[in-house]
Amino acid sequence: MDGKVSTLREISIYNGVILLWVTGHLGVDGNEMSDRLAKQATHTVFFGPEPAVRITASTVRTEVRAWAFKEHLKHWNATPACRQAKALMEGPNWKLTWTALRLNRREIKVLVGLLTGIDLLK
């Protein structure tokens, strides 16, 4: 049962999933054959073009941001440079990034000086 639940959770990341109880087809003409064919199809390896799945733009943005953050964090942890920045921050932070992008030129110089230890205001 746990495998089925985890599979449903994985599928529901990118798709709307509704779990419904459907009564059996016992004794209904044609439904017995459709049940057999459906069960057979679940055990058949899919080939051909990928099925079209609707993925929203916000889902794509969220996933790309999560991937980029993970990659940036790997780079952050692997680089020996940025000693002062690493002492001041735990790691990459989207909120701080957006705040920094809204700073004026003088404020950016102060921020760069704090993070690098280089006084750019001279």
PDB file of N, CA and C in Angstrom:
ATOM      1  N   MET A   1       0.821  -1.201   0.000  1.00  0.00           N
ATOM      2  CA  MET A   1       0.000   0.000   0.000  1.00  0.00           C
ATOM      3  C   MET A   1       0.860   1.259   0.000  1.00  0.00           C
ATOM      4  N   ASP A   2       2.007   1.238   0.766  1.00  0.00           N
ATOM      5  CA  ASP A   2       2.878   2.418   0.827  1.00  0.00           C
ATOM      6  C   ASP A   2       3.424   2.790  -0.538  1.00  0.00           C
ATOM      7  N   GLY A   3       3.755   1.807  -1.362  1.00  0.00           N
ATOM      8  CA  GLY A   3       4.268   2.080  -2.699  1.00  0.00           C
ATOM      9  C   GLY A   3       3.236   2.778  -3.557  1.00  0.00           C
ATOM     10  N   LYS A   4       1.967   2.364  -3.418  1.00  0.00           N
ATOM     11  CA  LYS A   4       0.905   2.988  -4.208  1.00  0.00           C
ATOM     12  C   LYS A   4       0.674   4.425  -3.761  1.00  0.00           C
ATOM     13  N   VAL A   5       0.720   4.655  -2.452  1.00  0.00           N
ATOM     14  CA  VAL A   5       0.521   6.011  -1.927  1.00  0.00           C
ATOM     15  C   VAL A   5       1.656   6.921  -2.383  1.00  0.00           C
ATOM     16  N   SER A   6       2.900   6.444  -2.311  1.00  0.00           N
ATOM     17  CA  SER A   6       4.027   7.277  -2.734  1.00  0.00           C
ATOM     18  C   SER A   6       3.965   7.545  -4.239  1.00  0.00           C
ATOM     19  N   THR A   7       3.502   6.567  -5.014  1.00  0.00           N
ATOM     20  CA  THR A   7       3.345   6.777  -6.451  1.00  0.00           C
ATOM     21  C   THR A   7       2.282   7.840  -6.721  1.00  0.00           C
ATOM     22  N   LEU A   8       1.165   7.775  -6.002  1.00  0.00           N
ATOM     23  CA  LEU A   8       0.119   8.796  -6.159  1.00  0.00           C
ATOM     24  C   LEU A   8       0.637  10.179  -5.788  1.00  0.00           C
ATOM     25  N   ARG A   9       1.406  10.269  -4.715  1.00  0.00           N
ATOM     26  CA  ARG A   9       1.973  11.561  -4.313  1.00  0.00           C
ATOM     27  C   ARG A   9       2.914  12.102  -5.394  1.00  0.00           C
ATOM     28  N   GLU A  10       3.732  11.223  -5.959  1.00  0.00           N
ATOM     29  CA  GLU A  10       4.676  11.647  -7.001  1.00  0.00           C
ATOM     30  C   GLU A  10       3.928  12.132  -8.243  1.00  0.00           C
ATOM     31  N   ILE A  11       2.900  11.400  -8.635  1.00  0.00           N
ATOM     32  CA  ILE A  11       2.104  11.796  -9.797  1.00  0.00           C
ATOM     33  C   ILE A  11       1.401  13.125  -9.539  1.00  0.00           C
ATOM     34  N   SER A  12       0.942  13.332  -8.312  1.00  0.00           N
ATOM     35  CA  SER A  12       0.161  14.539  -8.000  1.00  0.00           C
ATOM     36  C   SER A  12       1.007  15.804  -7.932  1.00  0.00           C
ATOM     37  N   ILE A  13       2.327  15.689  -7.978  1.00  0.00           N
ATOM     38  CA  ILE A  13       3.183  16.879  -7.989  1.00  0.00           C
ATOM     39  C   ILE A  13       2.890  17.712  -9.233  1.00  0.00           C
ATOM     40  N   TYR A  14       2.719  17.072 -10.374  1.00  0.00           N
ATOM     41  CA  TYR A  14       2.526  17.786 -11.632  1.00  0.00           C
ATOM     42  C   TYR A  14       1.121  17.616 -12.221  1.00  0.00           C
ATOM     43  N   ASN A  15       0.287  16.824 -11.577  1.00  0.00           N
ATOM     44  CA  ASN A  15      -1.033  16.541 -12.130  1.00  0.00           C
ATOM     45  C   ASN A  15      -2.087  16.600 -11.037  1.00  0.00           C
ATOM     46  N   GLY A  16      -3.295  16.928 -11.426  1.00  0.00           N
ATOM     47  CA  GLY A  16      -4.412  16.836 -10.496  1.00  0.00           C
ATOM     48  C   GLY A  16      -4.803  15.370 -10.367  1.00  0.00           C
ATOM     49  N   VAL A  17      -4.874  14.857  -9.154  1.00  0.00           N
ATOM     50  CA  VAL A  17      -5.209  13.457  -8.938  1.00  0.00           C
ATOM     51  C   VAL A  17      -6.432  13.387  -8.041  1.00  0.00           C
ATOM     52  N   ILE A  18      -7.445  12.651  -8.505  1.00  0.00           N
ATOM     53  CA  ILE A  18      -8.647  12.423  -7.701  1.00  0.00           C
ATOM     54  C   ILE A  18      -8.790  10.919  -7.557  1.00  0.00           C
ATOM     55  N   LEU A  19      -8.902  10.457  -6.341  1.00  0.00           N
ATOM     56  CA  LEU A  19      -9.044   9.036  -6.072  1.00  0.00           C
ATOM     57  C   LEU A  19     -10.519   8.760  -5.796  1.00  0.00           C
ATOM     58  N   LEU A  20     -11.134   7.946  -6.648  1.00  0.00           N
ATOM     59  CA  LEU A  20     -12.557   7.632  -6.530  1.00  0.00           C
ATOM     60  C   LEU A  20     -12.749   6.133  -6.416  1.00  0.00           C
ATOM     61  N   TRP A  21     -13.734   5.739  -5.636  1.00  0.00           N
ATOM     62  CA  TRP A  21     -14.098   4.337  -5.563  1.00  0.00           C
ATOM     63  C   TRP A  21     -15.119   4.070  -6.659  1.00  0.00           C
ATOM     64  N   VAL A  22     -14.864   3.069  -7.483  1.00  0.00           N
ATOM     65  CA  VAL A  22     -15.777   2.697  -8.556  1.00  0.00           C
ATOM     66  C   VAL A  22     -16.201   1.263  -8.315  1.00  0.00           C
ATOM     67  N   THR A  23     -17.503   1.026  -8.368  1.00  0.00           N
ATOM     68  CA  THR A  23     -17.991  -0.335  -8.146  1.00  0.00           C
ATOM     69  C   THR A  23     -17.504  -1.239  -9.264  1.00  0.00           C
ATOM     70  N   GLY A  24     -17.445  -2.515  -8.998  1.00  0.00           N
ATOM     71  CA  GLY A  24     -16.956  -3.477  -9.976  1.00  0.00           C
ATOM     72  C   GLY A  24     -17.882  -3.616 -11.168  1.00  0.00           C
ATOM     73  N   HIS A  25     -17.354  -4.235 -12.221  1.00  0.00           N
ATOM     74  CA  HIS A  25     -18.114  -4.407 -13.455  1.00  0.00           C
ATOM     75  C   HIS A  25     -18.694  -5.815 -13.553  1.00  0.00           C
ATOM     76  N   LEU A  26     -18.734  -6.515 -12.472  1.00  0.00           N
ATOM     77  CA  LEU A  26     -19.142  -7.911 -12.472  1.00  0.00           C
ATOM     78  C   LEU A  26     -20.484  -8.105 -13.168  1.00  0.00           C
ATOM     79  N   GLY A  27     -20.454  -8.901 -14.205  1.00  0.00           N
ATOM     80  CA  GLY A  27     -21.682  -9.271 -14.892  1.00  0.00           C
ATOM     81  C   GLY A  27     -22.190  -8.265 -15.905  1.00  0.00           C
ATOM     82  N   VAL A  28     -21.521  -7.127 -16.121  1.00  0.00           N
ATOM     83  CA  VAL A  28     -21.982  -6.133 -17.084  1.00  0.00           C
ATOM     84  C   VAL A  28     -21.288  -6.413 -18.418  1.00  0.00           C
ATOM     85  N   ASP A  29     -22.097  -6.617 -19.472  1.00  0.00           N
ATOM     86  CA  ASP A  29     -21.544  -6.946 -20.795  1.00  0.00           C
ATOM     87  C   ASP A  29     -20.551  -5.890 -21.259  1.00  0.00           C
ATOM     88  N   GLY A  30     -19.415  -6.314 -21.759  1.00  0.00           N
ATOM     89  CA  GLY A  30     -18.407  -5.406 -22.297  1.00  0.00           C
ATOM     90  C   GLY A  30     -17.439  -4.883 -21.247  1.00  0.00           C
ATOM     91  N   ASN A  31     -17.889  -4.714 -20.020  1.00  0.00           N
ATOM     92  CA  ASN A  31     -17.020  -4.175 -18.973  1.00  0.00           C
ATOM     93  C   ASN A  31     -15.966  -5.178 -18.513  1.00  0.00           C
ATOM     94  N   GLU A  32     -16.302  -6.459 -18.544  1.00  0.00           N
ATOM     95  CA  GLU A  32     -15.319  -7.483 -18.170  1.00  0.00           C
ATOM     96  C   GLU A  32     -14.120  -7.425 -19.124  1.00  0.00           C
ATOM     97  N   MET A  33     -14.421  -7.293 -20.428  1.00  0.00           N
ATOM     98  CA  MET A  33     -13.337  -7.216 -21.416  1.00  0.00           C
ATOM     99  C   MET A  33     -12.534  -5.929 -21.211  1.00  0.00           C
ATOM    100  N   SER A  34     -13.218  -4.804 -20.957  1.00  0.00           N
ATOM    101  CA  SER A  34     -12.486  -3.552 -20.753  1.00  0.00           C
ATOM    102  C   SER A  34     -11.608  -3.630 -19.507  1.00  0.00           C
ATOM    103  N   ASP A  35     -12.073  -4.333 -18.466  1.00  0.00           N
ATOM    104  CA  ASP A  35     -11.239  -4.535 -17.267  1.00  0.00           C
ATOM    105  C   ASP A  35      -9.981  -5.316 -17.610  1.00  0.00           C
ATOM    106  N   ARG A  36     -10.143  -6.409 -18.362  1.00  0.00           N
ATOM    107  CA  ARG A  36      -8.983  -7.230 -18.741  1.00  0.00           C
ATOM    108  C   ARG A  36      -7.994  -6.411 -19.573  1.00  0.00           C
ATOM    109  N   LEU A  37      -8.508  -5.641 -20.529  1.00  0.00           N
ATOM    110  CA  LEU A  37      -7.627  -4.830 -21.383  1.00  0.00           C
ATOM    111  C   LEU A  37      -6.920  -3.742 -20.577  1.00  0.00           C
ATOM    112  N   ALA A  38      -7.636  -3.120 -19.628  1.00  0.00           N
ATOM    113  CA  ALA A  38      -7.027  -2.079 -18.794  1.00  0.00           C
ATOM    114  C   ALA A  38      -5.910  -2.675 -17.935  1.00  0.00           C
ATOM    115  N   LYS A  39      -6.158  -3.842 -17.347  1.00  0.00           N
ATOM    116  CA  LYS A  39      -5.128  -4.496 -16.529  1.00  0.00           C
ATOM    117  C   LYS A  39      -3.922  -4.882 -17.382  1.00  0.00           C
ATOM    118  N   GLN A  40      -4.199  -5.370 -18.586  1.00  0.00           N
ATOM    119  CA  GLN A  40      -3.113  -5.735 -19.504  1.00  0.00           C
ATOM    120  C   GLN A  40      -2.290  -4.492 -19.865  1.00  0.00           C
ATOM    121  N   ALA A  41      -2.942  -3.376 -20.094  1.00  0.00           N
ATOM    122  CA  ALA A  41      -2.248  -2.136 -20.457  1.00  0.00           C
ATOM    123  C   ALA A  41      -1.345  -1.643 -19.343  1.00  0.00           C
ATOM    124  N   THR A  42      -1.729  -1.849 -18.085  1.00  0.00           N
ATOM    125  CA  THR A  42      -0.890  -1.384 -16.978  1.00  0.00           C
ATOM    126  C   THR A  42       0.426  -2.143 -16.899  1.00  0.00           C
ATOM    127  N   HIS A  43       0.478  -3.329 -17.481  1.00  0.00           N
ATOM    128  CA  HIS A  43       1.706  -4.134 -17.461  1.00  0.00           C
ATOM    129  C   HIS A  43       2.485  -4.043 -18.763  1.00  0.00           C
ATOM    130  N   THR A  44       2.036  -3.212 -19.694  1.00  0.00           N
ATOM    131  CA  THR A  44       2.683  -3.054 -20.982  1.00  0.00           C
ATOM    132  C   THR A  44       3.614  -1.848 -20.939  1.00  0.00           C
ATOM    133  N   VAL A  45       4.811  -2.002 -21.483  1.00  0.00           N
ATOM    134  CA  VAL A  45       5.772  -0.909 -21.536  1.00  0.00           C
ATOM    135  C   VAL A  45       5.300   0.096 -22.583  1.00  0.00           C
ATOM    136  N   PHE A  46       5.274   1.370 -22.208  1.00  0.00           N
ATOM    137  CA  PHE A  46       4.817   2.420 -23.120  1.00  0.00           C
ATOM    138  C   PHE A  46       5.881   2.715 -24.159  1.00  0.00           C
ATOM    139  N   PHE A  47       5.478   2.888 -25.410  1.00  0.00           N
ATOM    140  CA  PHE A  47       6.389   3.332 -26.455  1.00  0.00           C
ATOM    141  C   PHE A  47       5.632   4.316 -27.340  1.00  0.00           C
ATOM    142  N   GLY A  48       6.384   5.181 -27.977  1.00  0.00           N
ATOM    143  CA  GLY A  48       5.770   6.202 -28.814  1.00  0.00           C
ATOM    144  C   GLY A  48       6.042   7.581 -28.228  1.00  0.00           C
ATOM    145  N   PRO A  49       5.381   8.600 -28.780  1.00  0.00           N
ATOM    146  CA  PRO A  49       5.618   9.957 -28.259  1.00  0.00           C
ATOM    147  C   PRO A  49       5.129  10.076 -26.818  1.00  0.00           C
ATOM    148  N   GLU A  50       5.806  10.925 -26.075  1.00  0.00           N
ATOM    149  CA  GLU A  50       5.412  11.141 -24.680  1.00  0.00           C
ATOM    150  C   GLU A  50       3.991  11.675 -24.621  1.00  0.00           C
ATOM    151  N   PRO A  51       3.216  11.212 -23.682  1.00  0.00           N
ATOM    152  CA  PRO A  51       1.867  11.755 -23.555  1.00  0.00           C
ATOM    153  C   PRO A  51       1.917  13.224 -23.142  1.00  0.00           C
ATOM    154  N   ALA A  52       0.995  14.013 -23.633  1.00  0.00           N
ATOM    155  CA  ALA A  52       0.959  15.438 -23.291  1.00  0.00           C
ATOM    156  C   ALA A  52       0.388  15.599 -21.890  1.00  0.00           C
ATOM    157  N   VAL A  53       1.127  16.287 -21.045  1.00  0.00           N
ATOM    158  CA  VAL A  53       0.686  16.553 -19.684  1.00  0.00           C
ATOM    159  C   VAL A  53       0.716  18.052 -19.475  1.00  0.00           C
ATOM    160  N   ARG A  54      -0.392  18.614 -18.996  1.00  0.00           N
ATOM    161  CA  ARG A  54      -0.463  20.054 -18.784  1.00  0.00           C
ATOM    162  C   ARG A  54       0.286  20.402 -17.506  1.00  0.00           C
ATOM    163  N   ILE A  55       1.312  21.224 -17.637  1.00  0.00           N
ATOM    164  CA  ILE A  55       2.074  21.705 -16.489  1.00  0.00           C
ATOM    165  C   ILE A  55       1.974  23.219 -16.513  1.00  0.00           C
ATOM    166  N   THR A  56       1.561  23.793 -15.405  1.00  0.00           N
ATOM    167  CA  THR A  56       1.374  25.241 -15.364  1.00  0.00           C
ATOM    168  C   THR A  56       2.711  25.961 -15.345  1.00  0.00           C
ATOM    169  N   ALA A  57       2.686  27.218 -15.790  1.00  0.00           N
ATOM    170  CA  ALA A  57       3.903  28.033 -15.796  1.00  0.00           C
ATOM    171  C   ALA A  57       4.420  28.232 -14.384  1.00  0.00           C
ATOM    172  N   SER A  58       3.529  28.381 -13.419  1.00  0.00           N
ATOM    173  CA  SER A  58       3.984  28.584 -12.036  1.00  0.00           C
ATOM    174  C   SER A  58       4.686  27.335 -11.503  1.00  0.00           C
ATOM    175  N   THR A  59       4.235  26.158 -11.916  1.00  0.00           N
ATOM    176  CA  THR A  59       4.908  24.924 -11.513  1.00  0.00           C
ATOM    177  C   THR A  59       6.311  24.869 -12.105  1.00  0.00           C
ATOM    178  N   VAL A  60       6.435  25.244 -13.369  1.00  0.00           N
ATOM    179  CA  VAL A  60       7.750  25.255 -14.023  1.00  0.00           C
ATOM    180  C   VAL A  60       8.667  26.246 -13.305  1.00  0.00           C
ATOM    181  N   ARG A  61       8.158  27.471 -13.028  1.00  0.00           N
ATOM    182  CA  ARG A  61       8.980  28.479 -12.326  1.00  0.00           C
ATOM    183  C   ARG A  61       9.423  27.970 -10.963  1.00  0.00           C
ATOM    184  N   THR A  62       8.506  27.372 -10.224  1.00  0.00           N
ATOM    185  CA  THR A  62       8.835  26.856  -8.887  1.00  0.00           C
ATOM    186  C   THR A  62       9.913  25.789  -8.962  1.00  0.00           C
ATOM    187  N   GLU A  63       9.774  24.870  -9.903  1.00  0.00           N
ATOM    188  CA  GLU A  63      10.752  23.791 -10.035  1.00  0.00           C
ATOM    189  C   GLU A  63      12.109  24.323 -10.493  1.00  0.00           C
ATOM    190  N   VAL A  64      12.120  25.268 -11.434  1.00  0.00           N
ATOM    191  CA  VAL A  64      13.382  25.843 -11.904  1.00  0.00           C
ATOM    192  C   VAL A  64      14.066  26.592 -10.770  1.00  0.00           C
ATOM    193  N   ARG A  65      13.300  27.366  -9.999  1.00  0.00           N
ATOM    194  CA  ARG A  65      13.889  28.082  -8.856  1.00  0.00           C
ATOM    195  C   ARG A  65      14.475  27.109  -7.842  1.00  0.00           C
ATOM    196  N   ALA A  66      13.741  26.034  -7.545  1.00  0.00           N
ATOM    197  CA  ALA A  66      14.239  25.036  -6.582  1.00  0.00           C
ATOM    198  C   ALA A  66      15.525  24.406  -7.093  1.00  0.00           C
ATOM    199  N   TRP A  67      15.553  24.063  -8.390  1.00  0.00           N
ATOM    200  CA  TRP A  67      16.764  23.476  -8.967  1.00  0.00           C
ATOM    201  C   TRP A  67      17.921  24.472  -8.926  1.00  0.00           C
ATOM    202  N   ALA A  68      17.652  25.727  -9.326  1.00  0.00           N
ATOM    203  CA  ALA A  68      18.703  26.752  -9.344  1.00  0.00           C
ATOM    204  C   ALA A  68      19.240  26.990  -7.938  1.00  0.00           C
ATOM    205  N   PHE A  69      18.350  27.026  -6.961  1.00  0.00           N
ATOM    206  CA  PHE A  69      18.783  27.236  -5.584  1.00  0.00           C
ATOM    207  C   PHE A  69      19.685  26.091  -5.130  1.00  0.00           C
ATOM    208  N   LYS A  70      19.291  24.859  -5.466  1.00  0.00           N
ATOM    209  CA  LYS A  70      20.097  23.690  -5.090  1.00  0.00           C
ATOM    210  C   LYS A  70      21.483  23.756  -5.732  1.00  0.00           C
ATOM    211  N   GLU A  71      21.522  24.106  -7.026  1.00  0.00           N
ATOM    212  CA  GLU A  71      22.801  24.217  -7.727  1.00  0.00           C
ATOM    213  C   GLU A  71      23.644  25.363  -7.162  1.00  0.00           C
ATOM    214  N   HIS A  72      23.007  26.486  -6.871  1.00  0.00           N
ATOM    215  CA  HIS A  72      23.723  27.626  -6.301  1.00  0.00           C
ATOM    216  C   HIS A  72      24.284  27.261  -4.924  1.00  0.00           C
ATOM    217  N   LEU A  73      23.507  26.536  -4.142  1.00  0.00           N
ATOM    218  CA  LEU A  73      23.963  26.110  -2.818  1.00  0.00           C
ATOM    219  C   LEU A  73      25.176  25.189  -2.933  1.00  0.00           C
ATOM    220  N   LYS A  74      25.166  24.283  -3.913  1.00  0.00           N
ATOM    221  CA  LYS A  74      26.336  23.416  -4.140  1.00  0.00           C
ATOM    222  C   LYS A  74      27.569  24.267  -4.442  1.00  0.00           C
ATOM    223  N   HIS A  75      27.402  25.242  -5.341  1.00  0.00           N
ATOM    224  CA  HIS A  75      28.508  26.134  -5.709  1.00  0.00           C
ATOM    225  C   HIS A  75      28.969  26.930  -4.491  1.00  0.00           C
ATOM    226  N   TRP A  76      28.032  27.481  -3.738  1.00  0.00           N
ATOM    227  CA  TRP A  76      28.319  28.261  -2.528  1.00  0.00           C
ATOM    228  C   TRP A  76      29.172  27.448  -1.552  1.00  0.00           C
ATOM    229  N   ASN A  77      28.777  26.201  -1.327  1.00  0.00           N
ATOM    230  CA  ASN A  77      29.498  25.350  -0.373  1.00  0.00           C
ATOM    231  C   ASN A  77      30.856  24.899  -0.909  1.00  0.00           C
ATOM    232  N   ALA A  78      30.986  24.781  -2.228  1.00  0.00           N
ATOM    233  CA  ALA A  78      32.232  24.271  -2.813  1.00  0.00           C
ATOM    234  C   ALA A  78      33.294  25.347  -2.992  1.00  0.00           C
ATOM    235  N   THR A  79      32.903  26.614  -3.122  1.00  0.00           N
ATOM    236  CA  THR A  79      33.890  27.658  -3.398  1.00  0.00           C
ATOM    237  C   THR A  79      34.635  28.058  -2.119  1.00  0.00           C
ATOM    238  N   PRO A  80      35.950  28.167  -2.216  1.00  0.00           N
ATOM    239  CA  PRO A  80      36.725  28.560  -1.029  1.00  0.00           C
ATOM    240  C   PRO A  80      36.675  30.078  -0.797  1.00  0.00           C
ATOM    241  N   ALA A  81      36.238  30.832  -1.792  1.00  0.00           N
ATOM    242  CA  ALA A  81      36.201  32.295  -1.688  1.00  0.00           C
ATOM    243  C   ALA A  81      34.983  32.755  -0.886  1.00  0.00           C
ATOM    244  N   CYS A  82      34.804  34.051  -0.796  1.00  0.00           N
ATOM    245  CA  CYS A  82      33.652  34.687  -0.148  1.00  0.00           C
ATOM    246  C   CYS A  82      33.598  34.406   1.355  1.00  0.00           C
ATOM    247  N   ARG A  83      34.742  34.451   2.006  1.00  0.00           N
ATOM    248  CA  ARG A  83      34.820  34.175   3.434  1.00  0.00           C
ATOM    249  C   ARG A  83      33.906  35.080   4.248  1.00  0.00           C
ATOM    250  N   GLN A  84      33.942  36.401   3.968  1.00  0.00           N
ATOM    251  CA  GLN A  84      33.137  37.361   4.727  1.00  0.00           C
ATOM    252  C   GLN A  84      31.650  37.127   4.471  1.00  0.00           C
ATOM    253  N   ALA A  85      31.298  36.901   3.222  1.00  0.00           N
ATOM    254  CA  ALA A  85      29.889  36.663   2.884  1.00  0.00           C
ATOM    255  C   ALA A  85      29.379  35.414   3.590  1.00  0.00           C
ATOM    256  N   LYS A  86      30.184  34.370   3.599  1.00  0.00           N
ATOM    257  CA  LYS A  86      29.770  33.131   4.258  1.00  0.00           C
ATOM    258  C   LYS A  86      29.638  33.315   5.762  1.00  0.00           C
ATOM    259  N   ALA A  87      30.461  34.200   6.343  1.00  0.00           N
ATOM    260  CA  ALA A  87      30.368  34.472   7.778  1.00  0.00           C
ATOM    261  C   ALA A  87      29.084  35.236   8.102  1.00  0.00           C
ATOM    262  N   LEU A  88      28.626  36.082   7.182  1.00  0.00           N
ATOM    263  CA  LEU A  88      27.431  36.890   7.418  1.00  0.00           C
ATOM    264  C   LEU A  88      26.133  36.177   7.067  1.00  0.00           C
ATOM    265  N   MET A  89      26.184  35.247   6.118  1.00  0.00           N
ATOM    266  CA  MET A  89      24.964  34.579   5.642  1.00  0.00           C
ATOM    267  C   MET A  89      25.120  33.072   5.705  1.00  0.00           C
ATOM    268  N   GLU A  90      24.002  32.380   5.916  1.00  0.00           N
ATOM    269  CA  GLU A  90      24.029  30.920   5.946  1.00  0.00           C
ATOM    270  C   GLU A  90      24.207  30.324   4.552  1.00  0.00           C
ATOM    271  N   GLY A  91      23.743  31.047   3.558  1.00  0.00           N
ATOM    272  CA  GLY A  91      23.815  30.550   2.185  1.00  0.00           C
ATOM    273  C   GLY A  91      23.009  31.445   1.285  1.00  0.00           C
ATOM    274  N   PRO A  92      22.816  31.046   0.035  1.00  0.00           N
ATOM    275  CA  PRO A  92      22.031  31.853  -0.902  1.00  0.00           C
ATOM    276  C   PRO A  92      20.624  32.082  -0.351  1.00  0.00           C
ATOM    277  N   ASN A  93      20.089  33.259  -0.607  1.00  0.00           N
ATOM    278  CA  ASN A  93      18.777  33.617  -0.070  1.00  0.00           C
ATOM    279  C   ASN A  93      18.062  34.491  -1.104  1.00  0.00           C
ATOM    280  N   TRP A  94      16.927  34.004  -1.636  1.00  0.00           N
ATOM    281  CA  TRP A  94      16.187  34.733  -2.672  1.00  0.00           C
ATOM    282  C   TRP A  94      15.701  36.079  -2.172  1.00  0.00           C
ATOM    283  N   LYS A  95      15.222  36.131  -0.935  1.00  0.00           N
ATOM    284  CA  LYS A  95      14.673  37.380  -0.405  1.00  0.00           C
ATOM    285  C   LYS A  95      15.770  38.450  -0.319  1.00  0.00           C
ATOM    286  N   LEU A  96      16.933  38.066   0.170  1.00  0.00           N
ATOM    287  CA  LEU A  96      18.047  39.015   0.237  1.00  0.00           C
ATOM    288  C   LEU A  96      18.513  39.429  -1.158  1.00  0.00           C
ATOM    289  N   THR A  97      18.461  38.493  -2.096  1.00  0.00           N
ATOM    290  CA  THR A  97      18.853  38.814  -3.469  1.00  0.00           C
ATOM    291  C   THR A  97      17.957  39.893  -4.047  1.00  0.00           C
ATOM    292  N   TRP A  98      16.641  39.733  -3.891  1.00  0.00           N
ATOM    293  CA  TRP A  98      15.701  40.728  -4.423  1.00  0.00           C
ATOM    294  C   TRP A  98      15.861  42.065  -3.713  1.00  0.00           C
ATOM    295  N   THR A  99      16.143  42.035  -2.414  1.00  0.00           N
ATOM    296  CA  THR A  99      16.376  43.281  -1.679  1.00  0.00           C
ATOM    297  C   THR A  99      17.618  43.979  -2.216  1.00  0.00           C
ATOM    298  N   ALA A 100      18.693  43.225  -2.437  1.00  0.00           N
ATOM    299  CA  ALA A 100      19.939  43.809  -2.951  1.00  0.00           C
ATOM    300  C   ALA A 100      19.749  44.403  -4.342  1.00  0.00           C
ATOM    301  N   LEU A 101      18.941  43.761  -5.162  1.00  0.00           N
ATOM    302  CA  LEU A 101      18.717  44.265  -6.520  1.00  0.00           C
ATOM    303  C   LEU A 101      17.967  45.589  -6.547  1.00  0.00           C
ATOM    304  N   ARG A 102      17.292  45.917  -5.457  1.00  0.00           N
ATOM    305  CA  ARG A 102      16.542  47.181  -5.385  1.00  0.00           C
ATOM    306  C   ARG A 102      17.360  48.325  -4.774  1.00  0.00           C
ATOM    307  N   LEU A 103      18.609  48.052  -4.377  1.00  0.00           N
ATOM    308  CA  LEU A 103      19.440  49.085  -3.753  1.00  0.00           C
ATOM    309  C   LEU A 103      19.958  50.077  -4.794  1.00  0.00           C
ATOM    310  N   ASN A 104      20.244  51.303  -4.327  1.00  0.00           N
ATOM    311  CA  ASN A 104      20.859  52.276  -5.231  1.00  0.00           C
ATOM    312  C   ASN A 104      22.374  52.016  -5.277  1.00  0.00           C
ATOM    313  N   ARG A 105      23.079  52.753  -6.123  1.00  0.00           N
ATOM    314  CA  ARG A 105      24.507  52.525  -6.364  1.00  0.00           C
ATOM    315  C   ARG A 105      25.332  52.612  -5.072  1.00  0.00           C
ATOM    316  N   ARG A 106      25.119  53.639  -4.265  1.00  0.00           N
ATOM    317  CA  ARG A 106      25.889  53.812  -3.028  1.00  0.00           C
ATOM    318  C   ARG A 106      25.625  52.658  -2.051  1.00  0.00           C
ATOM    319  N   GLU A 107      24.362  52.262  -1.907  1.00  0.00           N
ATOM    320  CA  GLU A 107      24.021  51.158  -1.004  1.00  0.00           C
ATOM    321  C   GLU A 107      24.644  49.843  -1.476  1.00  0.00           C
ATOM    322  N   ILE A 108      24.718  49.655  -2.787  1.00  0.00           N
ATOM    323  CA  ILE A 108      25.356  48.445  -3.322  1.00  0.00           C
ATOM    324  C   ILE A 108      26.851  48.447  -2.994  1.00  0.00           C
ATOM    325  N   LYS A 109      27.497  49.610  -3.095  1.00  0.00           N
ATOM    326  CA  LYS A 109      28.922  49.698  -2.751  1.00  0.00           C
ATOM    327  C   LYS A 109      29.145  49.330  -1.291  1.00  0.00           C
ATOM    328  N   VAL A 110      28.276  49.805  -0.410  1.00  0.00           N
ATOM    329  CA  VAL A 110      28.400  49.474   1.021  1.00  0.00           C
ATOM    330  C   VAL A 110      28.218  47.974   1.212  1.00  0.00           C
ATOM    331  N   LEU A 111      27.194  47.404   0.567  1.00  0.00           N
ATOM    332  CA  LEU A 111      26.934  45.965   0.691  1.00  0.00           C
ATOM    333  C   LEU A 111      28.117  45.144   0.177  1.00  0.00           C
ATOM    334  N   VAL A 112      28.649  45.507  -0.992  1.00  0.00           N
ATOM    335  CA  VAL A 112      29.803  44.792  -1.550  1.00  0.00           C
ATOM    336  C   VAL A 112      30.994  44.904  -0.609  1.00  0.00           C
ATOM    337  N   GLY A 113      31.191  46.068  -0.026  1.00  0.00           N
ATOM    338  CA  GLY A 113      32.284  46.255   0.939  1.00  0.00           C
ATOM    339  C   GLY A 113      32.125  45.340   2.138  1.00  0.00           C
ATOM    340  N   LEU A 114      30.917  45.229   2.660  1.00  0.00           N
ATOM    341  CA  LEU A 114      30.660  44.346   3.807  1.00  0.00           C
ATOM    342  C   LEU A 114      30.925  42.880   3.465  1.00  0.00           C
ATOM    343  N   LEU A 115      30.464  42.466   2.280  1.00  0.00           N
ATOM    344  CA  LEU A 115      30.573  41.062   1.898  1.00  0.00           C
ATOM    345  C   LEU A 115      31.973  40.653   1.459  1.00  0.00           C
ATOM    346  N   THR A 116      32.742  41.592   0.899  1.00  0.00           N
ATOM    347  CA  THR A 116      34.054  41.236   0.369  1.00  0.00           C
ATOM    348  C   THR A 116      35.218  41.738   1.220  1.00  0.00           C
ATOM    349  N   GLY A 117      34.937  42.702   2.076  1.00  0.00           N
ATOM    350  CA  GLY A 117      35.994  43.293   2.866  1.00  0.00           C
ATOM    351  C   GLY A 117      36.764  44.363   2.097  1.00  0.00           C
ATOM    352  N   ILE A 118      36.273  44.751   0.918  1.00  0.00           N
ATOM    353  CA  ILE A 118      36.934  45.769   0.091  1.00  0.00           C
ATOM    354  C   ILE A 118      36.139  47.074   0.221  1.00  0.00           C
ATOM    355  N   ASP A 119      36.830  48.138   0.553  1.00  0.00           N
ATOM    356  CA  ASP A 119      36.162  49.442   0.717  1.00  0.00           C
ATOM    357  C   ASP A 119      36.085  50.140  -0.642  1.00  0.00           C
ATOM    358  N   LEU A 120      34.893  50.158  -1.231  1.00  0.00           N
ATOM    359  CA  LEU A 120      34.702  50.768  -2.547  1.00  0.00           C
ATOM    360  C   LEU A 120      34.317  52.226  -2.462  1.00  0.00           C
ATOM    361  N   LEU A 121      34.188  52.769  -1.245  1.00  0.00           N
ATOM    362  CA  LEU A 121      33.718  54.137  -1.072  1.00  0.00           C
ATOM    363  C   LEU A 121      34.865  55.160  -1.106  1.00  0.00           C
ATOM    364  N   LYS A 122      36.083  54.718  -1.250  1.00  0.00           N
ATOM    365  CA  LYS A 122      37.227  55.632  -1.262  1.00  0.00           C
ATOM    366  C   LYS A 122      37.274  56.455  -2.503  1.00  0.00           C
TER     367      LYS A 122
END
